[in-house]
Every structure is written in C-alpha cells, then in structure tokens.
C-alpha cells in the first residue's frame, strides 16, 4: 500500500477508527475512537493499523479500513496478518 493510499484512508476516516463490527458493540454502530496520524502500527494511545476487510484487494481502498488497536486486537487472527504498509 502506497503512502498516498494511506493518506486517502486517513482522510476518509477523519482520524477515527472505522470499525463497524457488530460484535464489538460500538454505540451508534461505528467505533470512532480518536487516533493520532503518527501512531500508525504503534501500540500506545492513539495507535492504529490498516486492516484488511477482505483477504484480497489491499490496493483497493474499499477493501481496507483504519482500526484502532482495541478493535484490531478483537479481530480473528487470520485478519490480524502483520502486513507492513509503512508510510
């Protein structure tokens, strides 16, 4: 994933977690946890990861989303594949 694609994802997310998984019981349907742009792939507060929503198509912005660390850690391990998207 290119830095440009990561920037587009960040803009789309509004700097907030995009998780809408019903099993996570987000009020209002979406997590919306506040994230820090510089904290990509970091585990501290404000940290986040690019998450694949589908096993294929990670060059398609509709196939990936920005997840806070809490939501990311709740995903099944098959979706927690350690891809490095680094900007």
N, C-alpha and C. Protein backbone atom coordinates (compact mmCIF):
# COMPACT_ATOMS: atom_id res chain seq x y z
N UNK A 1 0.86 -1.17 0.00
CA UNK A 1 0.00 0.00 0.00
C UNK A 1 0.90 1.23 0.00
N UNK A 2 0.60 2.13 -0.87
CA UNK A 2 1.46 3.32 -1.03
C UNK A 2 1.14 4.36 0.05
N UNK A 3 2.09 5.25 0.31
CA UNK A 3 1.82 6.35 1.25
C UNK A 3 0.62 7.19 0.82
N UNK A 4 0.42 7.33 -0.47
CA UNK A 4 -0.72 8.10 -0.96
C UNK A 4 -2.04 7.42 -0.59
N UNK A 5 -2.07 6.10 -0.69
CA UNK A 5 -3.29 5.36 -0.33
C UNK A 5 -3.55 5.46 1.17
N UNK A 6 -2.50 5.39 1.96
CA UNK A 6 -2.65 5.52 3.41
C UNK A 6 -3.18 6.91 3.74
N UNK A 7 -2.70 7.93 3.05
CA UNK A 7 -3.19 9.29 3.26
C UNK A 7 -4.68 9.39 2.92
N UNK A 8 -5.10 8.77 1.84
CA UNK A 8 -6.51 8.77 1.46
C UNK A 8 -7.36 8.05 2.51
N UNK A 9 -6.85 6.94 3.03
CA UNK A 9 -7.56 6.23 4.10
C UNK A 9 -7.71 7.12 5.33
N UNK A 10 -6.63 7.80 5.69
CA UNK A 10 -6.66 8.68 6.86
C UNK A 10 -7.71 9.78 6.67
N UNK A 11 -7.72 10.37 5.50
CA UNK A 11 -8.70 11.42 5.21
C UNK A 11 -10.11 10.87 5.28
N UNK A 12 -10.33 9.70 4.70
CA UNK A 12 -11.66 9.09 4.72
C UNK A 12 -12.12 8.83 6.15
N UNK A 13 -11.21 8.38 6.99
CA UNK A 13 -11.56 8.01 8.36
C UNK A 13 -11.82 9.23 9.25
N UNK A 14 -11.32 10.37 8.85
CA UNK A 14 -11.45 11.55 9.70
C UNK A 14 -10.61 11.44 10.97
N UNK A 15 -9.59 10.58 10.93
CA UNK A 15 -8.74 10.39 12.11
C UNK A 15 -9.40 9.57 13.20
N UNK A 16 -10.40 8.77 12.81
CA UNK A 16 -11.12 7.95 13.77
C UNK A 16 -11.22 6.51 13.28
N UNK A 17 -11.34 5.59 14.24
CA UNK A 17 -11.48 4.18 13.91
C UNK A 17 -12.72 3.95 13.06
N UNK A 18 -12.56 3.16 11.99
CA UNK A 18 -13.65 2.89 11.07
C UNK A 18 -14.38 1.57 11.36
N UNK A 19 -14.06 0.91 12.44
CA UNK A 19 -14.67 -0.39 12.74
C UNK A 19 -16.17 -0.26 12.94
N UNK A 20 -16.91 -1.13 12.26
CA UNK A 20 -18.36 -1.19 12.41
C UNK A 20 -18.82 -2.61 12.75
N UNK A 21 -17.93 -3.42 13.27
CA UNK A 21 -18.27 -4.81 13.58
C UNK A 21 -19.27 -4.88 14.71
N UNK A 22 -20.39 -5.51 14.45
CA UNK A 22 -21.48 -5.62 15.43
C UNK A 22 -21.01 -6.30 16.71
N UNK A 23 -20.12 -7.26 16.60
CA UNK A 23 -19.64 -8.00 17.77
C UNK A 23 -18.87 -7.10 18.74
N UNK A 24 -18.42 -5.95 18.29
CA UNK A 24 -17.66 -5.03 19.15
C UNK A 24 -18.59 -4.09 19.94
N UNK A 25 -19.88 -4.13 19.64
CA UNK A 25 -20.89 -3.36 20.37
C UNK A 25 -20.59 -1.86 20.45
N UNK A 26 -20.23 -1.27 19.33
CA UNK A 26 -19.98 0.17 19.30
C UNK A 26 -21.29 0.95 19.37
N UNK A 27 -21.36 1.93 20.26
CA UNK A 27 -22.57 2.76 20.28
C UNK A 27 -22.68 3.53 18.97
N UNK A 28 -23.82 3.52 18.37
CA UNK A 28 -24.01 4.22 17.10
C UNK A 28 -23.52 3.44 15.90
N UNK A 29 -22.95 2.26 16.10
CA UNK A 29 -22.56 1.40 15.00
C UNK A 29 -21.10 1.48 14.58
N UNK A 30 -20.43 2.59 14.85
CA UNK A 30 -19.03 2.73 14.45
C UNK A 30 -18.21 3.09 15.68
N UNK A 31 -16.99 2.58 15.77
CA UNK A 31 -16.13 2.82 16.92
C UNK A 31 -15.85 4.32 17.11
N UNK A 32 -15.27 4.94 16.10
CA UNK A 32 -14.94 6.37 16.14
C UNK A 32 -13.91 6.77 17.19
N UNK A 33 -13.12 5.82 17.68
CA UNK A 33 -12.04 6.19 18.62
C UNK A 33 -11.10 7.17 17.93
N UNK A 34 -10.69 8.21 18.67
CA UNK A 34 -9.77 9.21 18.14
C UNK A 34 -8.38 8.59 17.97
N UNK A 35 -7.77 8.82 16.82
CA UNK A 35 -6.46 8.27 16.50
C UNK A 35 -5.47 9.40 16.25
N UNK A 36 -4.19 9.06 16.29
CA UNK A 36 -3.12 10.02 16.02
C UNK A 36 -2.40 9.55 14.76
N UNK A 37 -2.35 10.42 13.78
CA UNK A 37 -1.81 10.04 12.47
C UNK A 37 -0.42 9.41 12.57
N UNK A 38 0.44 9.97 13.39
CA UNK A 38 1.81 9.48 13.51
C UNK A 38 1.93 8.16 14.27
N UNK A 39 0.81 7.64 14.78
CA UNK A 39 0.84 6.42 15.60
C UNK A 39 0.49 5.15 14.83
N UNK A 40 0.58 5.20 13.51
CA UNK A 40 0.32 4.00 12.70
C UNK A 40 1.27 2.88 13.12
N UNK A 41 0.70 1.70 13.33
CA UNK A 41 1.44 0.49 13.72
C UNK A 41 2.12 0.62 15.08
N UNK A 42 1.62 1.53 15.93
CA UNK A 42 2.17 1.67 17.28
C UNK A 42 1.09 1.27 18.27
N UNK A 43 1.51 0.73 19.41
CA UNK A 43 0.54 0.20 20.37
C UNK A 43 0.13 1.20 21.45
N UNK A 44 0.72 2.37 21.49
CA UNK A 44 0.38 3.37 22.51
C UNK A 44 -0.98 4.00 22.21
N UNK A 45 -1.45 4.85 23.11
CA UNK A 45 -2.72 5.55 22.92
C UNK A 45 -2.73 6.28 21.59
N UNK A 46 -3.84 6.17 20.88
CA UNK A 46 -3.96 6.80 19.57
C UNK A 46 -3.41 5.96 18.44
N UNK A 47 -2.88 4.79 18.77
CA UNK A 47 -2.31 3.90 17.76
C UNK A 47 -3.38 3.25 16.90
N UNK A 48 -2.98 2.88 15.68
CA UNK A 48 -3.93 2.30 14.74
C UNK A 48 -3.21 1.44 13.72
N UNK A 49 -4.01 0.65 13.01
CA UNK A 49 -3.49 -0.22 11.95
C UNK A 49 -4.42 -0.16 10.76
N UNK A 50 -3.85 -0.44 9.60
CA UNK A 50 -4.67 -0.63 8.41
C UNK A 50 -5.12 -2.08 8.43
N UNK A 51 -6.40 -2.28 8.38
CA UNK A 51 -6.98 -3.62 8.48
C UNK A 51 -7.59 -4.04 7.16
N UNK A 52 -7.27 -5.23 6.73
CA UNK A 52 -7.91 -5.79 5.53
C UNK A 52 -9.31 -6.23 5.88
N UNK A 53 -10.27 -5.79 5.11
CA UNK A 53 -11.65 -6.23 5.31
C UNK A 53 -11.92 -7.49 4.51
N UNK A 54 -11.11 -7.72 3.48
CA UNK A 54 -11.22 -8.89 2.63
C UNK A 54 -9.81 -9.44 2.46
N UNK A 55 -9.68 -10.72 2.22
CA UNK A 55 -8.35 -11.33 2.10
C UNK A 55 -7.63 -10.93 0.83
N UNK A 56 -8.33 -10.39 -0.13
CA UNK A 56 -7.68 -9.93 -1.35
C UNK A 56 -7.99 -8.46 -1.56
N UNK A 57 -7.27 -7.84 -2.44
CA UNK A 57 -7.58 -6.48 -2.84
C UNK A 57 -7.04 -5.40 -1.95
N UNK A 58 -5.82 -5.57 -1.35
CA UNK A 58 -5.37 -4.49 -0.49
C UNK A 58 -4.88 -3.27 -1.23
N UNK A 59 -4.97 -3.23 -2.52
CA UNK A 59 -4.69 -1.99 -3.25
C UNK A 59 -5.99 -1.25 -3.55
N UNK A 60 -7.11 -1.79 -3.08
CA UNK A 60 -8.42 -1.18 -3.26
C UNK A 60 -8.83 -0.56 -1.92
N UNK A 61 -9.07 0.74 -1.92
CA UNK A 61 -9.40 1.43 -0.67
C UNK A 61 -10.68 0.91 -0.02
N UNK A 62 -11.55 0.29 -0.80
CA UNK A 62 -12.77 -0.27 -0.23
C UNK A 62 -12.53 -1.61 0.46
N UNK A 63 -11.35 -2.17 0.30
CA UNK A 63 -11.02 -3.46 0.89
C UNK A 63 -10.24 -3.34 2.19
N UNK A 64 -9.95 -2.10 2.61
CA UNK A 64 -9.19 -1.87 3.84
C UNK A 64 -9.83 -0.76 4.66
N UNK A 65 -9.51 -0.72 5.94
CA UNK A 65 -10.03 0.31 6.83
C UNK A 65 -9.01 0.59 7.92
N UNK A 66 -9.15 1.72 8.55
CA UNK A 66 -8.30 2.07 9.69
C UNK A 66 -9.01 1.62 10.96
N UNK A 67 -8.31 0.81 11.77
CA UNK A 67 -8.85 0.32 13.03
C UNK A 67 -7.95 0.76 14.18
N UNK A 68 -8.56 1.16 15.28
CA UNK A 68 -7.79 1.43 16.49
C UNK A 68 -7.21 0.10 16.98
N UNK A 69 -6.25 0.18 17.87
CA UNK A 69 -5.62 -1.05 18.37
C UNK A 69 -6.62 -1.96 19.09
N UNK A 70 -7.55 -1.37 19.84
CA UNK A 70 -8.53 -2.18 20.55
C UNK A 70 -9.40 -3.01 19.63
N UNK A 71 -9.89 -2.39 18.57
CA UNK A 71 -10.72 -3.12 17.61
C UNK A 71 -9.89 -4.13 16.84
N UNK A 72 -8.68 -3.75 16.48
CA UNK A 72 -7.81 -4.64 15.72
C UNK A 72 -7.52 -5.91 16.52
N UNK A 73 -7.26 -5.75 17.81
CA UNK A 73 -6.93 -6.91 18.65
C UNK A 73 -8.11 -7.85 18.84
N UNK A 74 -9.32 -7.37 18.63
CA UNK A 74 -10.51 -8.23 18.76
C UNK A 74 -10.80 -9.04 17.50
N UNK A 75 -10.09 -8.75 16.42
CA UNK A 75 -10.32 -9.46 15.16
C UNK A 75 -9.80 -10.88 15.24
N UNK A 76 -10.37 -11.80 14.46
CA UNK A 76 -9.80 -13.14 14.37
C UNK A 76 -8.36 -13.06 13.87
N UNK A 77 -7.52 -13.94 14.32
CA UNK A 77 -6.09 -13.88 13.98
C UNK A 77 -5.83 -13.89 12.48
N UNK A 78 -6.68 -14.50 11.69
CA UNK A 78 -6.47 -14.54 10.24
C UNK A 78 -6.54 -13.13 9.66
N UNK A 79 -7.29 -12.23 10.29
CA UNK A 79 -7.37 -10.85 9.82
C UNK A 79 -6.30 -9.96 10.44
N UNK A 80 -5.55 -10.47 11.41
CA UNK A 80 -4.50 -9.70 12.05
C UNK A 80 -3.14 -9.94 11.41
N UNK A 81 -3.16 -10.32 10.16
CA UNK A 81 -1.92 -10.58 9.44
C UNK A 81 -1.01 -9.35 9.54
N UNK A 82 0.22 -9.54 9.87
CA UNK A 82 1.15 -8.44 10.07
C UNK A 82 1.69 -7.91 8.75
N UNK A 83 0.86 -7.27 7.99
CA UNK A 83 1.32 -6.59 6.78
C UNK A 83 1.89 -5.25 7.20
N UNK A 84 2.94 -4.85 6.59
CA UNK A 84 3.54 -3.55 6.87
C UNK A 84 3.21 -2.63 5.71
N UNK A 85 2.42 -1.62 6.00
CA UNK A 85 2.01 -0.68 4.99
C UNK A 85 2.88 0.56 4.99
N UNK A 86 3.72 0.69 6.00
CA UNK A 86 4.54 1.86 6.27
C UNK A 86 4.53 3.00 5.31
N UNK A 87 4.31 4.17 5.84
CA UNK A 87 4.28 5.39 5.02
C UNK A 87 5.67 5.89 4.74
